[in-house]
Amino acid sequence: MPAWIQIDMKSKQPVKGFSLVPNYIYRTEYILSMEIMSSHNGVYWISQGTYQGGPTAQNTIATNPDI
């Protein structure tokens, strides 16, 4: 960490939200916070908000993910 993910949607698309599904195996490495940003050209970025999370639940499994 730190890490980033960039998704090119090829044209303007409305995004109303997304789900973050952690690893199904309980670990001590987890996303505590992230900043969500958007760009119309991949050069200039606008902050759309932040995410504050916590540890993955110890009982998370593929059929019952900790979203």
C-alpha atoms as a PDB file:
ATOM      1  CA  MET A   1       0.000   0.000   0.000  1.00  0.00           C
ATOM      2  CA  PRO A   2      -0.707   2.640  -1.153  1.00  0.00           C
ATOM      3  CA  ALA A   3      -2.427   1.351  -4.285  1.00  0.00           C
ATOM      4  CA  TRP A   4      -4.799   2.708  -6.908  1.00  0.00           C
ATOM      5  CA  ILE A   5      -7.278   1.409  -9.460  1.00  0.00           C
ATOM      6  CA  GLN A   6      -8.237   3.312 -12.603  1.00  0.00           C
ATOM      7  CA  ILE A   7     -11.208   2.262 -14.762  1.00  0.00           C
ATOM      8  CA  ASP A   8     -11.556   3.710 -18.272  1.00  0.00           C
ATOM      9  CA  MET A   9     -15.260   3.720 -19.178  1.00  0.00           C
ATOM     10  CA  LYS A  10     -14.502   5.101 -22.687  1.00  0.00           C
ATOM     11  CA  SER A  11     -17.202   7.801 -22.344  1.00  0.00           C
ATOM     12  CA  LYS A  12     -18.996   9.736 -19.617  1.00  0.00           C
ATOM     13  CA  GLN A  13     -21.060   7.322 -17.540  1.00  0.00           C
ATOM     14  CA  PRO A  14     -23.056   8.014 -14.366  1.00  0.00           C
ATOM     15  CA  VAL A  15     -21.791   6.026 -11.383  1.00  0.00           C
ATOM     16  CA  LYS A  16     -24.097   6.000  -8.377  1.00  0.00           C
ATOM     17  CA  GLY A  17     -22.000   3.736  -6.194  1.00  0.00           C
ATOM     18  CA  PHE A  18     -20.082   0.500  -5.956  1.00  0.00           C
ATOM     19  CA  SER A  19     -19.521  -2.333  -3.505  1.00  0.00           C
ATOM     20  CA  LEU A  20     -16.181  -3.278  -2.047  1.00  0.00           C
ATOM     21  CA  VAL A  21     -15.927  -6.999  -1.336  1.00  0.00           C
ATOM     22  CA  PRO A  22     -12.814  -7.890   0.682  1.00  0.00           C
ATOM     23  CA  ASN A  23     -10.859 -11.114   0.572  1.00  0.00           C
ATOM     24  CA  TYR A  24     -13.012 -14.007   1.780  1.00  0.00           C
ATOM     25  CA  ILE A  25     -10.232 -15.184   4.081  1.00  0.00           C
ATOM     26  CA  TYR A  26      -9.922 -13.262   7.356  1.00  0.00           C
ATOM     27  CA  ARG A  27      -6.736 -11.235   7.285  1.00  0.00           C
ATOM     28  CA  THR A  28      -5.255  -8.347   9.176  1.00  0.00           C
ATOM     29  CA  GLU A  29      -4.576  -6.464   5.910  1.00  0.00           C
ATOM     30  CA  TYR A  30      -7.651  -4.474   4.981  1.00  0.00           C
ATOM     31  CA  ILE A  31      -8.694  -1.182   3.444  1.00  0.00           C
ATOM     32  CA  LEU A  32      -9.107   1.393   6.191  1.00  0.00           C
ATOM     33  CA  SER A  33      -9.682   4.380   3.953  1.00  0.00           C
ATOM     34  CA  MET A  34      -9.765   5.438   0.334  1.00  0.00           C
ATOM     35  CA  GLU A  35     -10.485   8.536  -1.677  1.00  0.00           C
ATOM     36  CA  ILE A  36     -12.856   8.173  -4.639  1.00  0.00           C
ATOM     37  CA  MET A  37     -11.978  10.432  -7.571  1.00  0.00           C
ATOM     38  CA  SER A  38     -13.337  10.966 -11.079  1.00  0.00           C
ATOM     39  CA  SER A  39     -11.924  12.487 -14.235  1.00  0.00           C
ATOM     40  CA  HIS A  40     -13.294  13.266 -17.670  1.00  0.00           C
ATOM     41  CA  ASN A  41      -9.862  12.924 -19.287  1.00  0.00           C
ATOM     42  CA  GLY A  42      -7.559  10.948 -16.975  1.00  0.00           C
ATOM     43  CA  VAL A  43      -5.470  14.058 -16.292  1.00  0.00           C
ATOM     44  CA  TYR A  44      -7.551  16.312 -14.044  1.00  0.00           C
ATOM     45  CA  TRP A  45      -9.185  14.537 -11.084  1.00  0.00           C
ATOM     46  CA  ILE A  46     -12.051  15.605  -8.797  1.00  0.00           C
ATOM     47  CA  SER A  47     -12.576  14.110  -5.348  1.00  0.00           C
ATOM     48  CA  GLN A  48     -16.025  12.516  -5.038  1.00  0.00           C
ATOM     49  CA  GLY A  49     -15.664  11.530  -1.394  1.00  0.00           C
ATOM     50  CA  THR A  50     -13.892   9.187   0.963  1.00  0.00           C
ATOM     51  CA  TYR A  51     -14.498   5.708   2.349  1.00  0.00           C
ATOM     52  CA  GLN A  52     -13.645   4.795   5.922  1.00  0.00           C
ATOM     53  CA  GLY A  53     -13.680   1.059   6.619  1.00  0.00           C
ATOM     54  CA  GLY A  54     -12.575  -1.435   9.197  1.00  0.00           C
ATOM     55  CA  PRO A  55     -11.264  -4.953   9.517  1.00  0.00           C
ATOM     56  CA  THR A  56     -12.849  -7.755   7.512  1.00  0.00           C
ATOM     57  CA  ALA A  57     -15.263  -9.732   9.675  1.00  0.00           C
ATOM     58  CA  GLN A  58     -13.741 -12.984  10.918  1.00  0.00           C
ATOM     59  CA  ASN A  59     -16.739 -14.979   9.636  1.00  0.00           C
ATOM     60  CA  THR A  60     -16.688 -13.662   6.036  1.00  0.00           C
ATOM     61  CA  ILE A  61     -16.956 -16.383   3.363  1.00  0.00           C
ATOM     62  CA  ALA A  62     -17.785 -16.451  -0.366  1.00  0.00           C
ATOM     63  CA  THR A  63     -21.484 -17.163   0.319  1.00  0.00           C
ATOM     64  CA  ASN A  64     -21.679 -14.449   2.994  1.00  0.00           C
ATOM     65  CA  PRO A  65     -19.126 -11.727   2.093  1.00  0.00           C
ATOM     66  CA  ASP A  66     -18.416  -8.784   4.374  1.00  0.00           C
ATOM     67  CA  ILE A  67     -19.450  -6.009   1.913  1.00  0.00           C
END
